[in-house]
Amino acid sequence: MHMSPSHEQWIIPFAIQIIPAGLLFIGALWIKESPRWLFLKGRRVQAMQNLTWIRQLDETDIYITEEVAAIDQALEEQIATVGIGFWKPFKAVAASKAIIYRLFLGCMLFFWQNGSGINAINYYSPTIFTSIGVSSSAVGWMTGIFGVIKAVMTFVWLLFLVDQLGRRNLLLGGAITGSICMWVIGAYICAVRPEDNPTDKLNGGGIAAIFFFYLWTAVYTPTWNGTPWVINSEFFDPNIRSLAQAATTASNWLFNFLVSRFTKQMFATMHYGVYFFFAALSFLAFFFAFFLIPETSGIPLEAIDRLFEIKPIWKAHSKLKAQLKEDEEQFRFEIKEGIFGKDAEEPGQAHVENPSPVLAPGQERDATEA
């Protein structure tokens, strides 16, 4: 629908955006506080209530016992090493090359995310559809379909893909598929030059280009759109997690600004080369994810440091899961024998325990929970 220039042109879109913001505010009133934060603040009764509610288990269940033991150990380590206070995490990060490297990886995930071209498309989708050869009267509808596909695929990602396929696999598949789509779109514009040869009707090549544009949207949304946020929430142990999340989020908005700031100039000077540029970055993102990003699904926050100590990185997840299973079996043995917390090792050995709770059948646990 075409609307004549008026005051309502910006009022109506602005008002529509208030609806999801209002729903978020109302829903936030019922969000339970993180058990880890409550344990840190010494509010153990409320922490146990929230934890049992999240897990849907009784307080005496072995899984709850394991998780509380892991959280307590992590908090004791935080107090002994990092310390409590606003500036303590900054000092801890500055003193650790491993954490700085992980921060670099987290920030680079957002570099590759924006390098896929998503924000160029978000902000300049009418320009992009025009460059493909879509008539001005149909640009609004085509842009609307783009938004609908993003919304639908976001729900698919949230409800199914992110846990079923894993974070790493989504990044790898999204990078390759997204790159192919951008190469195809760029090749069509390079060969046909629809801006210089406008027509009243799209030809077969134009329809194919639009198909690959929507395919790119359907693939990008459940892969590089939200997955870097999930990975960054799982990359850092609770000691410096808040600071790391703030830093990586800031990097996202920096790259977002740079892409959106120069996209118009890029289209003016590079034309179809813009698509080749984003295609190349998506292709490189595949190798970045393959060689440097481990799978984080199902790894407790307290064990995330161990994940980065295992090489090669593409085998780290399976190896750590096996180690955590052994830790769990040892933990349960000590609980059964009544020796948990005692010095059951030989003289000179310290009892180092990092139990990873295994969930009851039918339950799923992510490091972002609790």
Protein backbone atom coordinates (compact mmCIF):
# COMPACT_ATOMS: atom_id res chain seq x y z
CA MET A 1 0.00 0.00 0.00
CA HIS A 2 1.33 3.39 -0.98
CA MET A 3 0.88 6.22 1.52
CA SER A 4 1.09 9.82 0.46
CA PRO A 5 3.65 11.99 2.27
CA SER A 6 2.24 12.91 5.67
CA HIS A 7 2.88 13.07 9.41
CA GLU A 8 1.52 9.51 9.74
CA GLN A 9 4.33 8.08 7.61
CA TRP A 10 6.64 7.94 10.58
CA ILE A 11 4.07 7.89 13.40
CA ILE A 12 2.49 4.57 12.34
CA PRO A 13 5.76 2.57 11.97
CA PHE A 14 6.99 4.03 15.27
CA ALA A 15 3.75 3.10 17.04
CA ILE A 16 3.88 -0.46 15.74
CA GLN A 17 7.34 -0.91 17.26
CA ILE A 18 5.96 0.02 20.67
CA ILE A 19 3.92 -3.20 20.70
CA PRO A 20 6.81 -5.71 20.99
CA ALA A 21 8.62 -3.33 23.36
CA GLY A 22 5.55 -3.24 25.59
CA LEU A 23 5.21 -7.02 25.51
CA LEU A 24 8.88 -7.34 26.49
CA PHE A 25 8.37 -4.97 29.44
CA ILE A 26 5.30 -6.85 30.67
CA GLY A 27 7.01 -10.23 30.29
CA ALA A 28 10.07 -8.98 32.18
CA LEU A 29 7.92 -8.50 35.27
CA TRP A 30 7.63 -12.30 35.56
CA ILE A 31 11.27 -13.17 34.81
CA LYS A 32 12.95 -14.92 37.72
CA GLU A 33 16.35 -13.72 38.88
CA SER A 34 19.38 -15.81 37.95
CA PRO A 35 20.17 -18.45 40.61
CA ARG A 36 23.90 -17.85 40.11
CA TRP A 37 23.50 -14.16 40.93
CA LEU A 38 21.38 -14.97 43.98
CA PHE A 39 23.99 -17.44 45.24
CA LEU A 40 26.65 -14.76 44.77
CA LYS A 41 24.60 -12.32 46.86
CA GLY A 42 24.06 -14.91 49.60
CA ARG A 43 20.32 -15.28 48.96
CA ARG A 44 20.45 -19.07 48.94
CA VAL A 45 16.82 -19.76 49.77
CA GLN A 46 15.54 -17.73 46.82
CA ALA A 47 18.33 -19.12 44.64
CA MET A 48 17.24 -22.69 45.39
CA GLN A 49 13.61 -21.82 44.72
CA ASN A 50 14.47 -20.31 41.33
CA LEU A 51 16.82 -23.14 40.40
CA THR A 52 14.29 -25.86 41.19
CA TRP A 53 11.63 -23.91 39.29
CA ILE A 54 13.88 -23.61 36.21
CA ARG A 55 14.84 -27.29 36.28
CA GLN A 56 11.40 -28.48 37.38
CA LEU A 57 13.05 -30.75 39.93
CA ASP A 58 12.85 -31.19 43.69
CA GLU A 59 15.50 -29.55 45.88
CA THR A 60 16.75 -32.97 47.02
CA ASP A 61 17.21 -34.28 43.48
CA ILE A 62 20.77 -35.38 42.62
CA TYR A 63 20.83 -33.09 39.60
CA ILE A 64 20.13 -30.06 41.79
CA THR A 65 22.80 -31.19 44.25
CA GLU A 66 25.35 -31.44 41.44
CA GLU A 67 24.50 -28.05 39.99
CA VAL A 68 24.61 -26.25 43.34
CA ALA A 69 27.99 -27.84 44.04
CA ALA A 70 29.30 -26.58 40.70
CA ILE A 71 27.96 -23.07 41.29
CA ASP A 72 29.37 -22.90 44.81
CA GLN A 73 32.77 -24.03 43.60
CA ALA A 74 32.76 -21.42 40.82
CA LEU A 75 31.81 -18.64 43.24
CA GLU A 76 34.52 -19.67 45.69
CA GLU A 77 37.02 -19.58 42.84
CA GLN A 78 35.77 -16.16 41.74
CA ILE A 79 36.16 -14.72 45.23
CA ALA A 80 39.63 -16.26 45.60
CA THR A 81 40.95 -15.26 42.16
CA VAL A 82 39.02 -12.40 40.55
CA GLY A 83 37.38 -10.97 43.64
CA ILE A 84 34.13 -9.06 44.09
CA GLY A 85 33.77 -5.49 42.91
CA PHE A 86 33.24 -3.36 39.82
CA TRP A 87 36.89 -3.08 38.74
CA LYS A 88 37.96 -6.61 39.64
CA PRO A 89 36.82 -8.20 36.34
CA PHE A 90 38.67 -5.51 34.35
CA LYS A 91 41.89 -6.35 36.14
CA ALA A 92 41.30 -10.08 35.67
CA VAL A 93 40.72 -9.70 31.93
CA ALA A 94 43.76 -7.47 31.47
CA ALA A 95 45.94 -10.03 33.22
CA SER A 96 44.76 -13.04 31.21
CA LYS A 97 45.84 -13.56 27.60
CA ALA A 98 43.40 -16.45 27.29
CA ILE A 99 40.44 -14.24 28.18
CA ILE A 100 41.63 -11.45 25.88
CA TYR A 101 41.85 -13.99 23.04
CA ARG A 102 38.34 -15.21 23.80
CA LEU A 103 37.08 -11.62 23.82
CA PHE A 104 38.69 -11.19 20.42
CA LEU A 105 36.83 -14.25 19.13
CA GLY A 106 33.56 -12.96 20.54
CA CYS A 107 33.99 -9.54 18.93
CA MET A 108 35.03 -11.09 15.63
CA LEU A 109 31.85 -13.15 15.57
CA PHE A 110 29.97 -9.86 15.32
CA PHE A 111 32.39 -8.60 12.69
CA TRP A 112 31.57 -11.59 10.49
CA GLN A 113 27.88 -11.27 11.35
CA ASN A 114 27.78 -7.69 10.05
CA GLY A 115 30.14 -8.63 7.23
CA SER A 116 27.48 -10.93 5.86
CA GLY A 117 25.61 -7.84 4.73
CA ILE A 118 22.59 -8.11 7.00
CA ASN A 119 22.51 -4.51 8.16
CA ALA A 120 23.17 -3.23 4.68
CA ILE A 121 20.08 -5.17 3.65
CA ASN A 122 18.07 -4.15 6.71
CA TYR A 123 18.64 -0.45 6.11
CA TYR A 124 18.77 -0.39 2.33
CA SER A 125 16.48 -3.21 1.23
CA PRO A 126 14.48 -0.91 -1.12
CA THR A 127 17.74 0.08 -2.83
CA ILE A 128 18.73 -3.57 -3.10
CA PHE A 129 15.43 -4.65 -4.63
CA THR A 130 15.66 -1.81 -7.11
CA SER A 131 19.19 -2.91 -8.05
CA ILE A 132 17.87 -6.42 -8.75
CA GLY A 133 15.25 -4.99 -11.09
CA VAL A 134 12.10 -4.83 -8.95
CA SER A 135 9.76 -2.00 -9.97
CA SER A 136 9.27 0.85 -7.52
CA SER A 137 5.59 -0.08 -7.01
CA ALA A 138 6.53 -3.58 -5.82
CA VAL A 139 9.52 -2.66 -3.65
CA GLY A 140 7.36 -2.13 -0.54
CA TRP A 141 5.78 -5.57 -0.80
CA MET A 142 9.10 -7.27 -1.43
CA THR A 143 10.62 -5.55 1.59
CA GLY A 144 7.64 -6.66 3.70
CA ILE A 145 8.12 -10.28 2.65
CA PHE A 146 11.78 -9.97 3.65
CA GLY A 147 10.67 -8.96 7.17
CA VAL A 148 8.13 -11.77 7.43
CA ILE A 149 10.73 -14.39 6.48
CA LYS A 150 13.09 -13.04 9.14
CA ALA A 151 10.38 -13.22 11.80
CA VAL A 152 9.31 -16.77 10.92
CA MET A 153 12.86 -18.12 10.74
CA THR A 154 13.71 -16.51 14.07
CA PHE A 155 11.05 -18.67 15.74
CA VAL A 156 12.34 -21.75 13.90
CA TRP A 157 15.83 -20.99 15.17
CA LEU A 158 14.69 -20.40 18.75
CA LEU A 159 12.44 -23.42 19.04
CA PHE A 160 14.36 -26.04 17.07
CA LEU A 161 17.64 -25.31 15.29
CA VAL A 162 19.92 -23.72 17.89
CA ASP A 163 19.77 -26.76 20.20
CA GLN A 164 19.14 -29.51 17.66
CA LEU A 165 21.96 -28.62 15.25
CA GLY A 166 24.32 -26.82 17.61
CA ARG A 167 25.86 -23.37 17.43
CA ARG A 168 28.96 -24.28 15.45
CA ASN A 169 27.11 -26.20 12.73
CA LEU A 170 24.71 -23.31 12.22
CA LEU A 171 27.60 -20.89 11.71
CA LEU A 172 29.33 -23.18 9.23
CA GLY A 173 26.22 -23.93 7.18
CA GLY A 174 25.04 -20.33 7.22
CA ALA A 175 28.39 -18.97 6.06
CA ILE A 176 28.67 -21.24 3.03
CA THR A 177 25.03 -21.00 1.96
CA GLY A 178 24.95 -17.24 2.48
CA SER A 179 28.10 -16.82 0.42
CA ILE A 180 26.65 -18.82 -2.48
CA CYS A 181 23.47 -16.74 -2.47
CA MET A 182 25.39 -13.46 -2.55
CA TRP A 183 27.61 -14.70 -5.40
CA VAL A 184 24.53 -15.61 -7.44
CA ILE A 185 22.80 -12.25 -6.84
CA GLY A 186 25.96 -10.33 -7.68
CA ALA A 187 26.54 -12.37 -10.82
CA TYR A 188 22.99 -11.68 -12.05
CA ILE A 189 23.33 -7.92 -11.53
CA CYS A 190 26.78 -7.96 -13.16
CA ALA A 191 25.47 -9.77 -16.25
CA VAL A 192 22.07 -8.09 -16.70
CA ARG A 193 22.62 -4.67 -15.11
CA PRO A 194 18.90 -4.16 -14.37
CA GLU A 195 19.39 -0.59 -13.16
CA ASP A 196 20.69 0.39 -16.60
CA ASN A 197 18.12 -1.73 -18.43
CA PRO A 198 14.80 -1.26 -16.61
CA THR A 199 11.83 -3.38 -17.69
CA ASP A 200 8.18 -3.61 -16.69
CA LYS A 201 8.48 -7.33 -16.02
CA LEU A 202 11.14 -9.41 -14.28
CA ASN A 203 12.80 -12.03 -16.44
CA GLY A 204 13.77 -15.51 -15.27
CA GLY A 205 17.14 -14.32 -14.03
CA GLY A 206 15.54 -11.58 -11.95
CA ILE A 207 13.13 -14.03 -10.36
CA ALA A 208 16.05 -16.35 -9.58
CA ALA A 209 17.96 -13.46 -8.00
CA ILE A 210 14.99 -12.62 -5.78
CA PHE A 211 14.66 -16.30 -4.85
CA PHE A 212 18.30 -16.41 -3.75
CA PHE A 213 17.82 -13.15 -1.86
CA TYR A 214 14.98 -14.67 0.13
CA LEU A 215 16.92 -17.93 0.50
CA TRP A 216 19.81 -15.91 1.93
CA THR A 217 17.38 -14.30 4.40
CA ALA A 218 15.92 -17.68 5.42
CA VAL A 219 19.42 -19.10 5.97
CA TYR A 220 21.06 -16.10 7.61
CA THR A 221 18.33 -15.50 10.20
CA PRO A 222 18.66 -18.87 12.01
CA THR A 223 22.45 -18.96 11.70
CA TRP A 224 24.53 -15.77 11.92
CA ASN A 225 21.74 -13.49 13.09
CA GLY A 226 21.24 -14.81 16.61
CA THR A 227 23.84 -17.53 17.10
CA PRO A 228 26.79 -15.17 17.85
CA TRP A 229 24.74 -13.76 20.72
CA VAL A 230 24.18 -17.24 22.13
CA ILE A 231 27.82 -18.23 21.77
CA ASN A 232 29.02 -15.06 23.49
CA SER A 233 26.68 -15.76 26.39
CA GLU A 234 28.38 -19.17 26.75
CA PHE A 235 31.99 -18.19 26.01
CA PHE A 236 32.89 -16.79 29.42
CA ASP A 237 32.76 -18.18 32.92
CA PRO A 238 30.69 -16.31 35.53
CA ASN A 239 33.75 -14.48 36.88
CA ILE A 240 33.98 -12.07 33.95
CA ARG A 241 30.82 -12.88 32.01
CA SER A 242 29.09 -9.51 32.52
CA LEU A 243 32.10 -7.51 31.38
CA ALA A 244 32.70 -9.77 28.38
CA GLN A 245 29.06 -9.54 27.31
CA ALA A 246 29.21 -5.75 27.48
CA ALA A 247 32.42 -5.62 25.40
CA THR A 248 31.20 -7.97 22.68
CA THR A 249 27.84 -6.22 22.47
CA ALA A 250 29.61 -2.89 22.05
CA SER A 251 31.65 -4.38 19.20
CA ASN A 252 28.45 -5.47 17.48
CA TRP A 253 27.11 -1.93 17.43
CA LEU A 254 30.45 -0.59 16.24
CA PHE A 255 30.46 -2.92 13.22
CA ASN A 256 26.75 -2.25 12.70
CA PHE A 257 27.46 1.48 12.53
CA LEU A 258 30.36 1.08 10.11
CA VAL A 259 28.40 -1.09 7.69
CA SER A 260 25.28 1.06 7.75
CA ARG A 261 27.32 4.26 7.49
CA PHE A 262 29.13 3.26 4.30
CA THR A 263 26.62 0.98 2.55
CA LYS A 264 25.11 3.82 0.50
CA GLN A 265 28.54 4.89 -0.73
CA MET A 266 29.44 1.27 -1.47
CA PHE A 267 26.40 0.81 -3.69
CA ALA A 268 27.16 4.10 -5.45
CA THR A 269 30.73 3.13 -6.31
CA MET A 270 30.84 -0.70 -6.32
CA HIS A 271 27.38 -1.59 -7.71
CA TYR A 272 27.23 -5.40 -8.02
CA GLY A 273 30.64 -5.56 -6.33
CA VAL A 274 28.88 -4.98 -3.00
CA TYR A 275 27.35 -8.47 -3.24
CA PHE A 276 30.70 -10.00 -4.15
CA PHE A 277 32.23 -8.18 -1.17
CA PHE A 278 29.70 -9.64 1.28
CA ALA A 279 29.94 -13.06 -0.41
CA ALA A 280 33.71 -13.10 0.11
CA LEU A 281 33.36 -12.14 3.78
CA SER A 282 30.79 -14.90 4.33
CA PHE A 283 33.15 -17.39 2.71
CA LEU A 284 35.99 -16.33 5.01
CA ALA A 285 33.63 -16.53 8.00
CA PHE A 286 33.33 -20.27 7.38
CA PHE A 287 37.05 -20.80 7.99
CA PHE A 288 37.01 -18.51 11.02
CA ALA A 289 34.22 -20.55 12.60
CA PHE A 290 35.69 -23.92 11.61
CA PHE A 291 39.20 -23.37 12.99
CA LEU A 292 38.53 -21.07 15.95
CA ILE A 293 35.00 -21.49 17.33
CA PRO A 294 34.19 -24.56 19.47
CA GLU A 295 30.72 -25.95 20.00
CA THR A 296 29.39 -24.63 23.32
CA SER A 297 26.01 -26.37 23.52
CA GLY A 298 25.47 -28.19 26.80
CA ILE A 299 28.78 -27.05 28.36
CA PRO A 300 28.32 -25.58 31.87
CA LEU A 301 29.63 -22.06 32.34
CA GLU A 302 31.90 -23.35 35.09
CA ALA A 303 33.66 -25.66 32.61
CA ILE A 304 33.98 -23.27 29.68
CA ASP A 305 37.70 -22.58 30.34
CA ARG A 306 38.42 -26.27 29.86
CA LEU A 307 36.72 -26.18 26.47
CA PHE A 308 39.36 -23.81 25.08
CA GLU A 309 42.22 -25.86 26.48
CA ILE A 310 41.38 -28.84 24.24
CA LYS A 311 42.82 -29.02 20.73
CA PRO A 312 41.90 -29.28 17.91
CA ILE A 313 39.00 -26.94 18.49
CA TRP A 314 36.56 -28.91 16.32
CA LYS A 315 36.93 -31.91 18.64
CA ALA A 316 36.90 -29.97 21.91
CA HIS A 317 33.18 -30.34 22.56
CA SER A 318 33.03 -34.12 22.33
CA LYS A 319 36.22 -34.55 24.37
CA LEU A 320 35.04 -32.24 27.13
CA LYS A 321 31.63 -33.88 27.29
CA ALA A 322 33.39 -37.19 27.90
CA GLN A 323 35.51 -35.63 30.67
CA LEU A 324 32.44 -34.09 32.28
CA LYS A 325 30.71 -37.45 32.27
CA GLU A 326 33.65 -38.92 34.17
CA ASP A 327 33.49 -36.00 36.63
CA GLU A 328 29.80 -36.63 37.14
CA GLU A 329 30.32 -40.33 37.83
CA GLN A 330 33.05 -39.51 40.36
CA PHE A 331 30.81 -36.91 42.00
CA ARG A 332 27.94 -39.38 42.36
CA PHE A 333 30.28 -42.00 43.76
CA GLU A 334 31.44 -39.57 46.45
CA ILE A 335 27.85 -38.60 47.27
CA LYS A 336 26.89 -42.27 47.54
CA GLU A 337 29.90 -43.10 49.72
CA GLY A 338 29.42 -39.97 51.83
CA ILE A 339 32.90 -38.62 51.12
CA PHE A 340 31.99 -35.56 49.05
CA GLY A 341 33.85 -32.52 50.37
CA LYS A 342 36.37 -34.63 52.28
CA ASP A 343 39.98 -35.04 51.40
CA ALA A 344 39.55 -38.45 49.80
CA GLU A 345 42.68 -38.23 47.70
CA GLU A 346 46.14 -39.41 48.51
CA PRO A 347 48.33 -37.07 50.55
CA GLY A 348 49.59 -34.21 48.45
CA GLN A 349 46.66 -34.31 46.05
CA ALA A 350 44.11 -31.54 46.00
CA HIS A 351 40.50 -32.44 45.42
CA VAL A 352 39.64 -30.63 42.21
CA GLU A 353 36.04 -31.14 41.27
CA ASN A 354 34.14 -29.52 38.45
CA PRO A 355 30.92 -31.48 38.35
CA SER A 356 28.69 -30.98 35.38
CA PRO A 357 25.07 -31.76 36.09
CA VAL A 358 23.46 -34.13 33.67
CA LEU A 359 19.79 -33.53 33.21
CA ALA A 360 16.96 -35.91 33.72
CA PRO A 361 15.61 -37.60 30.59
CA GLY A 362 13.72 -35.19 28.39
CA GLN A 363 15.42 -32.08 29.80
CA GLU A 364 17.81 -29.83 27.95
CA ARG A 365 20.48 -27.70 29.59
CA ASP A 366 22.34 -24.79 28.04
CA ALA A 367 25.13 -22.78 29.57
CA THR A 368 22.96 -19.68 29.24
CA GLU A 369 20.42 -21.04 31.71
CA ALA A 370 20.47 -20.25 35.37
